[in-house]
């Protein structure tokens, strides 16, 4: 409720779309920053301005009204059970399967072993940091933080790849890894969170079984619904119906994954690859291909704008405890360092199979952005002492990732290129 008005779901959606449009216009017209960076920054600044307004004007209730509005948006449900299915499908739709096959080993290793390694490194490091600052968090909750912050966000990474001039194989490898590692990360997060909530000791065999069922089931479901969508599209030539079929694949497939208790994100990534490669090449006419790809590009842009605005606005929900800010700031180098180890070790071991070039390490490390998925998972944690610490650390790491890493990746890649050319 804002003032004397009851906020309906339509009102909330309307407010977000209007804000995204206004701030997106300001960014495009004046700031000219990458969309994800501009919207996140302006959303965060708007939230801080609202909080500051209440402190300057003691009688003002604007901040509490805005907090109420943001709290009324179930960010976890909105992203994980709604937006994510569309975003992952749209991202996978544009990944070249031929180039992705060349980078299949780095994709496979980085999205599985890399996520597990990063989860362990971040979790143990965060356990030490939290205790140093004065937060007595159990190790299992620190590992939960490691699981939710380790996967790179496919939405953020896709935005980076649109601006970075890298080889097609490296681009497909980075995109493929980001599409699959968030699905794997969500599975690992759910397993660790279940252990933390139950209070039972962590069982590696049981966790491995759940992981195989969730991730493997997601792959099989994605292949199944992608094949059904492909066959249906191939049997007709009507762009309106084929766009509708692609929507059915996404919404029906994600709902089926939830019902079958398999990974919806993995299923959407696989289905998007099937439709985006086999479907585009063999099942669509030129007219249909143009409509389908433009439709999903538009969906992608709209949801991206709302997502990054939401990330910026969520700053008002963080408690104003200086220790929480400190643990978040210290978690930044921890997350980047763990990502570096999780990338460099596999790439070194896989070099005899495929060398992705001198830009691969910096693209995968500095361009491996965290985003809305991490925030959504943190916001979905149950109330308790661990939630506020994990949420604050997640938000600070994500904000740094989107604003600093996302805003500087082009310059960093350019510098690496110039050094390589000078050394040649």
Protein backbone atom coordinates (compact mmCIF):
# COMPACT_ATOMS: atom_id res chain seq x y z
CA UNK A 1 0.00 0.00 0.00
CA UNK A 2 1.35 3.41 -0.99
CA UNK A 3 -0.43 6.28 0.75
CA UNK A 4 -4.14 5.40 0.56
CA UNK A 5 -3.81 3.24 -2.56
CA UNK A 6 -3.63 -0.54 -2.61
CA UNK A 7 -0.82 -1.64 -4.91
CA UNK A 8 -2.05 -4.36 -7.26
CA UNK A 9 0.31 -6.61 -9.27
CA UNK A 10 -0.60 -4.60 -12.38
CA UNK A 11 0.25 -1.34 -10.58
CA UNK A 12 3.62 -2.75 -9.54
CA UNK A 13 4.38 -3.88 -13.08
CA UNK A 14 3.27 -0.49 -14.43
CA UNK A 15 5.54 1.39 -12.01
CA UNK A 16 8.54 -0.76 -12.98
CA UNK A 17 7.94 -0.43 -16.73
CA UNK A 18 7.47 3.35 -16.49
CA UNK A 19 10.60 3.73 -14.36
CA UNK A 20 12.59 1.50 -16.72
CA UNK A 21 11.41 3.52 -19.72
CA UNK A 22 12.15 6.91 -18.12
CA UNK A 23 15.56 5.94 -16.75
CA UNK A 24 16.39 4.04 -19.95
CA UNK A 25 15.62 7.18 -21.96
CA UNK A 26 17.79 9.32 -19.67
CA UNK A 27 20.63 6.83 -19.95
CA UNK A 28 20.39 6.53 -23.74
CA UNK A 29 19.94 10.28 -24.27
CA UNK A 30 22.46 11.67 -21.80
CA UNK A 31 24.63 9.14 -19.91
CA UNK A 32 25.17 6.69 -22.79
CA UNK A 33 26.25 3.91 -20.43
CA UNK A 34 25.62 0.21 -21.16
CA UNK A 35 21.96 -0.45 -20.36
CA UNK A 36 22.64 -2.82 -17.45
CA UNK A 37 25.14 -0.42 -15.86
CA UNK A 38 23.03 2.71 -16.38
CA UNK A 39 19.76 1.27 -15.05
CA UNK A 40 21.39 -0.39 -12.04
CA UNK A 41 23.30 2.76 -11.14
CA UNK A 42 20.28 5.06 -11.48
CA UNK A 43 18.07 2.63 -9.57
CA UNK A 44 20.58 2.48 -6.71
CA UNK A 45 21.01 6.27 -6.68
CA UNK A 46 17.24 6.78 -6.67
CA UNK A 47 16.94 4.41 -3.69
CA UNK A 48 19.70 6.21 -1.78
CA UNK A 49 18.08 9.57 -2.56
CA UNK A 50 14.78 8.34 -1.14
CA UNK A 51 16.47 7.12 2.05
CA UNK A 52 18.36 10.42 2.36
CA UNK A 53 15.14 12.40 1.86
CA UNK A 54 13.56 10.84 4.93
CA UNK A 55 16.60 11.71 7.01
CA UNK A 56 16.63 15.32 5.84
CA UNK A 57 12.85 15.69 6.28
CA UNK A 58 11.93 13.99 9.59
CA UNK A 59 8.21 13.99 8.78
CA UNK A 60 8.68 12.28 5.41
CA UNK A 61 7.50 8.68 4.95
CA UNK A 62 8.67 8.33 1.35
CA UNK A 63 11.37 5.80 2.24
CA UNK A 64 8.98 3.57 4.20
CA UNK A 65 6.47 3.72 1.33
CA UNK A 66 9.15 2.76 -1.20
CA UNK A 67 10.45 -0.02 1.08
CA UNK A 68 6.88 -1.29 1.33
CA UNK A 69 6.56 -1.23 -2.46
CA UNK A 70 9.87 -3.06 -2.99
CA UNK A 71 9.05 -5.56 -0.23
CA UNK A 72 5.74 -6.21 -1.96
CA UNK A 73 7.61 -7.41 -5.04
CA UNK A 74 8.63 -11.02 -4.53
CA UNK A 75 11.94 -10.64 -6.36
CA UNK A 76 12.76 -14.32 -5.91
CA UNK A 77 9.46 -15.52 -7.38
CA UNK A 78 9.45 -12.82 -10.06
CA UNK A 79 12.87 -13.81 -11.38
CA UNK A 80 13.20 -17.49 -10.56
CA UNK A 81 9.63 -18.49 -11.48
CA UNK A 82 8.93 -15.96 -14.21
CA UNK A 83 11.58 -13.84 -15.88
CA UNK A 84 14.40 -16.39 -15.77
CA UNK A 85 12.74 -18.84 -18.15
CA UNK A 86 12.33 -16.13 -20.80
CA UNK A 87 15.81 -14.68 -20.28
CA UNK A 88 17.64 -18.01 -20.51
CA UNK A 89 15.70 -19.13 -23.58
CA UNK A 90 16.27 -15.80 -25.30
CA UNK A 91 19.99 -15.92 -24.49
CA UNK A 92 20.43 -19.50 -25.70
CA UNK A 93 18.49 -18.73 -28.88
CA UNK A 94 21.41 -16.65 -30.19
CA UNK A 95 24.29 -19.01 -29.25
CA UNK A 96 25.97 -20.66 -32.23
CA UNK A 97 25.93 -24.42 -31.64
CA UNK A 98 28.83 -25.03 -34.05
CA UNK A 99 31.14 -22.67 -32.16
CA UNK A 100 29.80 -23.88 -28.83
CA UNK A 101 30.72 -27.46 -29.71
CA UNK A 102 34.33 -26.36 -30.20
CA UNK A 103 34.33 -25.00 -26.66
CA UNK A 104 32.30 -27.86 -25.17
CA UNK A 105 35.04 -29.04 -22.79
CA UNK A 106 35.65 -25.63 -21.16
CA UNK A 107 31.86 -25.12 -20.96
CA UNK A 108 31.33 -28.50 -19.31
CA UNK A 109 34.19 -28.16 -16.83
CA UNK A 110 33.64 -24.48 -15.94
CA UNK A 111 29.89 -24.88 -15.45
CA UNK A 112 30.25 -27.90 -13.15
CA UNK A 113 33.67 -28.34 -11.52
CA UNK A 114 34.30 -24.59 -11.73
CA UNK A 115 31.07 -23.78 -9.87
CA UNK A 116 31.75 -26.42 -7.20
CA UNK A 117 35.34 -25.21 -6.73
CA UNK A 118 34.27 -21.58 -6.49
CA UNK A 119 31.50 -22.49 -4.03
CA UNK A 120 34.01 -24.21 -1.75
CA UNK A 121 36.56 -21.37 -1.96
CA UNK A 122 34.03 -18.59 -1.41
CA UNK A 123 32.25 -20.51 1.36
CA UNK A 124 35.35 -21.21 3.42
CA UNK A 125 36.75 -17.72 2.82
CA UNK A 126 33.45 -16.08 3.78
CA UNK A 127 33.33 -18.20 6.94
CA UNK A 128 36.66 -16.69 8.02
CA UNK A 129 35.67 -13.15 6.99
CA UNK A 130 32.35 -13.28 8.84
CA UNK A 131 33.98 -14.45 12.05
CA UNK A 132 36.70 -11.81 11.74
CA UNK A 133 34.06 -9.07 11.58
CA UNK A 134 31.91 -10.55 14.36
CA UNK A 135 29.25 -12.63 12.63
CA UNK A 136 29.08 -16.21 13.96
CA UNK A 137 27.78 -17.94 10.85
CA UNK A 138 27.81 -21.75 10.53
CA UNK A 139 29.98 -23.05 7.70
CA UNK A 140 26.99 -24.50 5.84
CA UNK A 141 25.40 -21.02 5.53
CA UNK A 142 28.69 -19.63 4.22
CA UNK A 143 28.68 -22.40 1.61
CA UNK A 144 25.12 -21.37 0.70
CA UNK A 145 26.51 -17.89 0.00
CA UNK A 146 29.30 -19.46 -2.06
CA UNK A 147 26.75 -21.37 -4.14
CA UNK A 148 24.55 -18.37 -4.91
CA UNK A 149 27.41 -15.97 -5.74
CA UNK A 150 29.59 -18.37 -7.80
CA UNK A 151 27.50 -18.69 -11.00
CA UNK A 152 27.87 -15.90 -13.53
CA UNK A 153 24.62 -14.28 -14.59
CA UNK A 154 23.76 -15.06 -18.23
CA UNK A 155 21.85 -11.79 -18.65
CA UNK A 156 24.83 -9.69 -17.54
CA UNK A 157 27.33 -11.79 -19.50
CA UNK A 158 25.28 -11.58 -22.71
CA UNK A 159 25.32 -7.81 -22.37
CA UNK A 160 29.11 -7.86 -22.08
CA UNK A 161 29.51 -10.08 -25.14
CA UNK A 162 27.41 -7.71 -27.24
CA UNK A 163 30.01 -4.99 -26.60
CA UNK A 164 33.22 -7.05 -26.51
CA UNK A 165 35.05 -7.89 -29.72
CA UNK A 166 36.11 -11.51 -29.09
CA UNK A 167 36.40 -14.57 -31.34
CA UNK A 168 33.19 -16.52 -32.13
CA UNK A 169 34.47 -19.60 -30.28
CA UNK A 170 35.32 -17.63 -27.15
CA UNK A 171 31.99 -15.80 -27.33
CA UNK A 172 30.08 -19.09 -27.61
CA UNK A 173 32.15 -20.59 -24.77
CA UNK A 174 31.51 -17.67 -22.43
CA UNK A 175 27.81 -17.57 -23.32
CA UNK A 176 27.40 -21.34 -23.01
CA UNK A 177 29.17 -21.44 -19.66
CA UNK A 178 27.04 -18.62 -18.26
CA UNK A 179 23.84 -20.31 -19.46
CA UNK A 180 24.64 -23.62 -17.81
CA UNK A 181 26.56 -22.59 -14.71
CA UNK A 182 23.62 -20.69 -13.26
CA UNK A 183 21.46 -23.81 -13.63
CA UNK A 184 24.14 -25.85 -11.90
CA UNK A 185 24.58 -23.13 -9.29
CA UNK A 186 20.86 -23.11 -8.50
CA UNK A 187 20.92 -26.89 -8.04
CA UNK A 188 23.96 -26.69 -5.70
CA UNK A 189 22.29 -23.82 -3.81
CA UNK A 190 19.08 -25.81 -3.27
CA UNK A 191 21.02 -28.84 -2.02
CA UNK A 192 23.13 -26.80 0.44
CA UNK A 193 20.14 -24.74 1.62
CA UNK A 194 18.15 -27.92 2.33
CA UNK A 195 21.04 -29.18 4.44
CA UNK A 196 21.32 -25.84 6.29
CA UNK A 197 17.57 -25.73 7.06
CA UNK A 198 17.31 -29.37 8.12
CA UNK A 199 20.27 -29.14 10.48
CA UNK A 200 21.46 -32.55 9.31
CA UNK A 201 25.08 -33.18 8.38
CA UNK A 202 25.92 -32.70 4.71
CA UNK A 203 25.92 -35.97 2.75
CA UNK A 204 28.04 -35.94 -0.40
CA UNK A 205 26.48 -39.11 -1.96
CA UNK A 206 22.97 -37.78 -1.38
CA UNK A 207 23.95 -34.38 -2.79
CA UNK A 208 25.52 -36.03 -5.86
CA UNK A 209 22.32 -38.02 -6.46
CA UNK A 210 20.13 -34.91 -6.22
CA UNK A 211 22.51 -33.04 -8.51
CA UNK A 212 22.39 -35.79 -11.14
CA UNK A 213 18.59 -35.92 -11.04
CA UNK A 214 18.08 -32.14 -11.18
CA UNK A 215 20.73 -31.27 -13.77
CA UNK A 216 20.42 -34.44 -15.86
CA UNK A 217 16.64 -34.26 -15.78
CA UNK A 218 16.81 -30.64 -16.90
CA UNK A 219 18.96 -31.58 -19.91
CA UNK A 220 16.59 -34.38 -20.94
CA UNK A 221 13.50 -32.21 -20.49
CA UNK A 222 15.09 -29.38 -22.50
CA UNK A 223 15.94 -31.75 -25.33
CA UNK A 224 12.41 -33.17 -25.26
CA UNK A 225 10.47 -29.92 -25.33
CA UNK A 226 12.96 -28.38 -27.77
CA UNK A 227 12.47 -31.32 -30.15
CA UNK A 228 8.66 -31.09 -29.84
CA UNK A 229 8.80 -27.36 -30.58
CA UNK A 230 11.15 -27.97 -33.52
CA UNK A 231 8.89 -30.63 -35.05
CA UNK A 232 5.80 -28.47 -34.62
CA UNK A 233 7.48 -25.46 -36.26
CA UNK A 234 8.83 -27.57 -39.09
CA UNK A 235 5.36 -28.87 -39.98
CA UNK A 236 3.84 -25.41 -40.59
CA UNK A 237 4.76 -22.02 -42.03
CA UNK A 238 2.94 -19.33 -40.05
CA UNK A 239 5.03 -16.88 -38.07
CA UNK A 240 2.26 -16.01 -35.58
CA UNK A 241 1.72 -19.64 -34.63
CA UNK A 242 5.44 -20.37 -34.49
CA UNK A 243 6.06 -17.44 -32.13
CA UNK A 244 3.25 -18.85 -29.99
CA UNK A 245 4.91 -22.30 -30.07
CA UNK A 246 8.18 -20.78 -28.83
CA UNK A 247 6.25 -19.17 -25.96
CA UNK A 248 4.63 -22.51 -25.17
CA UNK A 249 8.05 -24.20 -25.07
CA UNK A 250 9.28 -21.65 -22.53
CA UNK A 251 6.26 -21.34 -20.25
CA UNK A 252 5.04 -24.92 -20.50
CA UNK A 253 8.57 -26.31 -20.25
CA UNK A 254 9.46 -24.28 -17.16
CA UNK A 255 6.20 -25.26 -15.46
CA UNK A 256 6.85 -28.92 -16.31
CA UNK A 257 10.37 -28.69 -14.85
CA UNK A 258 8.94 -27.34 -11.59
CA UNK A 259 6.36 -30.14 -11.49
CA UNK A 260 8.95 -32.83 -12.29
CA UNK A 261 11.50 -31.44 -9.77
CA UNK A 262 14.24 -31.00 -12.36
CA UNK A 263 16.27 -27.90 -13.19
CA UNK A 264 14.15 -25.40 -15.11
CA UNK A 265 17.11 -23.12 -15.93
CA UNK A 266 19.06 -26.02 -17.48
CA UNK A 267 15.97 -27.12 -19.44
CA UNK A 268 15.45 -23.61 -20.83
CA UNK A 269 19.09 -23.29 -21.88
CA UNK A 270 18.97 -26.62 -23.74
CA UNK A 271 15.58 -25.90 -25.35
CA UNK A 272 16.82 -22.49 -26.48
CA UNK A 273 19.88 -24.06 -28.10
CA UNK A 274 17.68 -26.58 -29.97
CA UNK A 275 15.21 -23.97 -31.27
CA UNK A 276 17.94 -21.38 -31.93
CA UNK A 277 20.04 -23.74 -34.04
CA UNK A 278 18.03 -26.66 -35.47
CA UNK A 279 14.77 -24.67 -35.42
CA UNK A 280 16.19 -21.54 -37.02
CA UNK A 281 18.13 -23.51 -39.65
CA UNK A 282 15.60 -26.16 -40.66
CA UNK A 283 12.12 -25.32 -39.31
CA UNK A 284 11.56 -21.65 -40.13
CA UNK A 285 11.07 -19.64 -43.28
CA UNK A 286 12.95 -16.35 -43.66
CA UNK A 287 9.86 -14.40 -42.55
CA UNK A 288 9.26 -16.60 -39.50
CA UNK A 289 12.95 -16.53 -38.53
CA UNK A 290 12.92 -12.72 -38.63
CA UNK A 291 9.78 -12.47 -36.46
CA UNK A 292 10.83 -15.12 -33.93
CA UNK A 293 14.32 -13.71 -33.39
CA UNK A 294 13.10 -10.10 -33.17
CA UNK A 295 10.29 -11.09 -30.80
CA UNK A 296 12.69 -12.76 -28.38
CA UNK A 297 15.24 -9.96 -28.74
CA UNK A 298 12.53 -7.49 -27.68
CA UNK A 299 11.44 -9.68 -24.74
CA UNK A 300 15.09 -9.94 -23.71
CA UNK A 301 15.63 -6.16 -23.78
CA UNK A 302 12.44 -5.35 -21.84
CA UNK A 303 13.07 -7.92 -19.11
CA UNK A 304 16.73 -6.89 -18.87
CA UNK A 305 15.71 -3.29 -18.28
CA UNK A 306 13.28 -4.23 -15.51
CA UNK A 307 15.70 -6.71 -13.93
CA UNK A 308 18.61 -4.30 -13.60
CA UNK A 309 16.30 -1.54 -12.36
CA UNK A 310 15.03 -3.94 -9.68
CA UNK A 311 18.61 -4.74 -8.65
CA UNK A 312 19.28 -1.04 -8.17
CA UNK A 313 16.06 -0.42 -6.24
CA UNK A 314 16.66 -3.34 -3.86
CA UNK A 315 19.30 -1.26 -2.02
CA UNK A 316 16.56 0.15 0.24
CA UNK A 317 15.93 -3.31 1.71
CA UNK A 318 19.48 -3.69 3.06
CA UNK A 319 19.89 -3.01 6.79
CA UNK A 320 22.04 0.01 7.68
CA UNK A 321 24.67 -1.82 9.74
CA UNK A 322 28.28 -0.74 8.96
CA UNK A 323 29.49 -4.29 9.59
CA UNK A 324 27.21 -5.57 6.82
CA UNK A 325 28.72 -3.09 4.38
CA UNK A 326 32.22 -4.13 5.46
CA UNK A 327 31.57 -7.85 4.99
CA UNK A 328 30.11 -7.08 1.55
CA UNK A 329 33.16 -5.05 0.49
CA UNK A 330 35.54 -7.77 1.68
CA UNK A 331 33.49 -10.38 -0.19
CA UNK A 332 34.25 -8.64 -3.52
CA UNK A 333 37.93 -9.71 -3.82
CA UNK A 334 36.99 -13.08 -2.36
CA UNK A 335 34.42 -13.72 -5.11
CA UNK A 336 36.74 -12.47 -7.88
CA UNK A 337 39.68 -14.49 -6.55
CA UNK A 338 37.61 -17.66 -6.36
CA UNK A 339 36.36 -17.06 -9.90
CA UNK A 340 39.96 -16.62 -11.07
CA UNK A 341 41.02 -19.96 -9.57
CA UNK A 342 37.90 -21.70 -10.90
CA UNK A 343 38.69 -20.39 -14.42
CA UNK A 344 42.49 -20.53 -14.64
CA UNK A 345 42.89 -24.05 -13.26
CA UNK A 346 40.48 -25.71 -15.77
CA UNK A 347 41.77 -23.63 -18.70
CA UNK A 348 45.34 -24.66 -17.92
CA UNK A 349 44.40 -28.34 -17.73
CA UNK A 350 42.30 -28.13 -20.92
CA UNK A 351 44.88 -26.25 -23.01
CA UNK A 352 45.93 -29.41 -24.94
CA UNK A 353 42.28 -29.86 -26.05
CA UNK A 354 41.42 -26.26 -26.91
CA UNK A 355 43.27 -22.97 -26.53
CA UNK A 356 40.76 -20.12 -26.48
CA UNK A 357 43.34 -17.36 -26.91
CA UNK A 358 44.95 -14.77 -24.66
CA UNK A 359 41.65 -12.93 -24.09
CA UNK A 360 39.91 -15.97 -22.58
CA UNK A 361 41.11 -15.63 -18.95
CA UNK A 362 40.27 -11.93 -18.56
CA UNK A 363 36.96 -12.32 -20.44
CA UNK A 364 35.88 -15.21 -18.23
CA UNK A 365 37.14 -13.69 -14.97
CA UNK A 366 36.48 -9.94 -15.23
CA UNK A 367 33.56 -10.49 -17.64
CA UNK A 368 32.02 -13.17 -15.42
CA UNK A 369 29.43 -10.86 -13.91
CA UNK A 370 27.06 -11.65 -11.08
CA UNK A 371 23.52 -10.38 -11.42
CA UNK A 372 19.84 -10.85 -10.66
CA UNK A 373 19.96 -14.60 -10.09
CA UNK A 374 22.29 -14.19 -7.10
CA UNK A 375 20.12 -11.42 -5.64
CA UNK A 376 16.95 -13.46 -6.16
CA UNK A 377 18.41 -16.50 -4.41
CA UNK A 378 19.60 -14.38 -1.47
CA UNK A 379 16.21 -12.66 -1.15
CA UNK A 380 14.56 -16.08 -1.08
CA UNK A 381 16.45 -17.13 2.06
CA UNK A 382 14.32 -17.60 5.19
CA UNK A 383 14.46 -14.97 7.94
CA UNK A 384 17.27 -15.48 10.40
CA UNK A 385 20.68 -14.24 11.49
CA UNK A 386 22.38 -15.57 8.36
CA UNK A 387 19.96 -13.93 5.90
CA UNK A 388 20.92 -10.30 6.54
CA UNK A 389 24.66 -11.07 6.28
CA UNK A 390 24.35 -13.15 3.11
CA UNK A 391 21.91 -10.68 1.49
CA UNK A 392 24.14 -7.66 2.19
CA UNK A 393 27.26 -9.42 0.89
CA UNK A 394 25.40 -10.62 -2.21
CA UNK A 395 24.06 -7.19 -3.00
CA UNK A 396 27.44 -5.45 -2.64
CA UNK A 397 29.19 -8.06 -4.81
CA UNK A 398 26.47 -7.87 -7.50
CA UNK A 399 26.47 -4.06 -7.48
CA UNK A 400 30.27 -4.00 -7.89
CA UNK A 401 30.07 -6.64 -10.60
CA UNK A 402 27.47 -4.84 -12.70
CA UNK A 403 28.75 -1.28 -12.22
CA UNK A 404 32.54 -1.70 -12.08
CA UNK A 405 33.24 -4.93 -13.97
CA UNK A 406 30.43 -4.41 -16.47
CA UNK A 407 31.37 -0.78 -16.97
CA UNK A 408 35.08 -1.40 -17.54
CA UNK A 409 35.23 -4.75 -19.39
CA UNK A 410 35.65 -3.12 -22.83
CA UNK A 411 38.59 -1.03 -21.65
CA UNK A 412 40.16 -3.98 -19.84
CA UNK A 413 39.91 -6.18 -22.96
CA UNK A 414 41.28 -3.36 -25.10
CA UNK A 415 44.28 -2.97 -22.80
CA UNK A 416 44.99 -6.73 -22.89
CA UNK A 417 44.79 -6.69 -26.71
CA UNK A 418 47.22 -3.77 -26.99
CA UNK A 419 49.71 -5.45 -24.65
CA UNK A 420 49.50 -8.68 -26.64
CA UNK A 421 50.05 -6.81 -29.91
CA UNK A 422 52.99 -4.89 -28.44
CA UNK A 423 54.59 -8.10 -27.19
CA UNK A 424 54.13 -9.87 -30.57
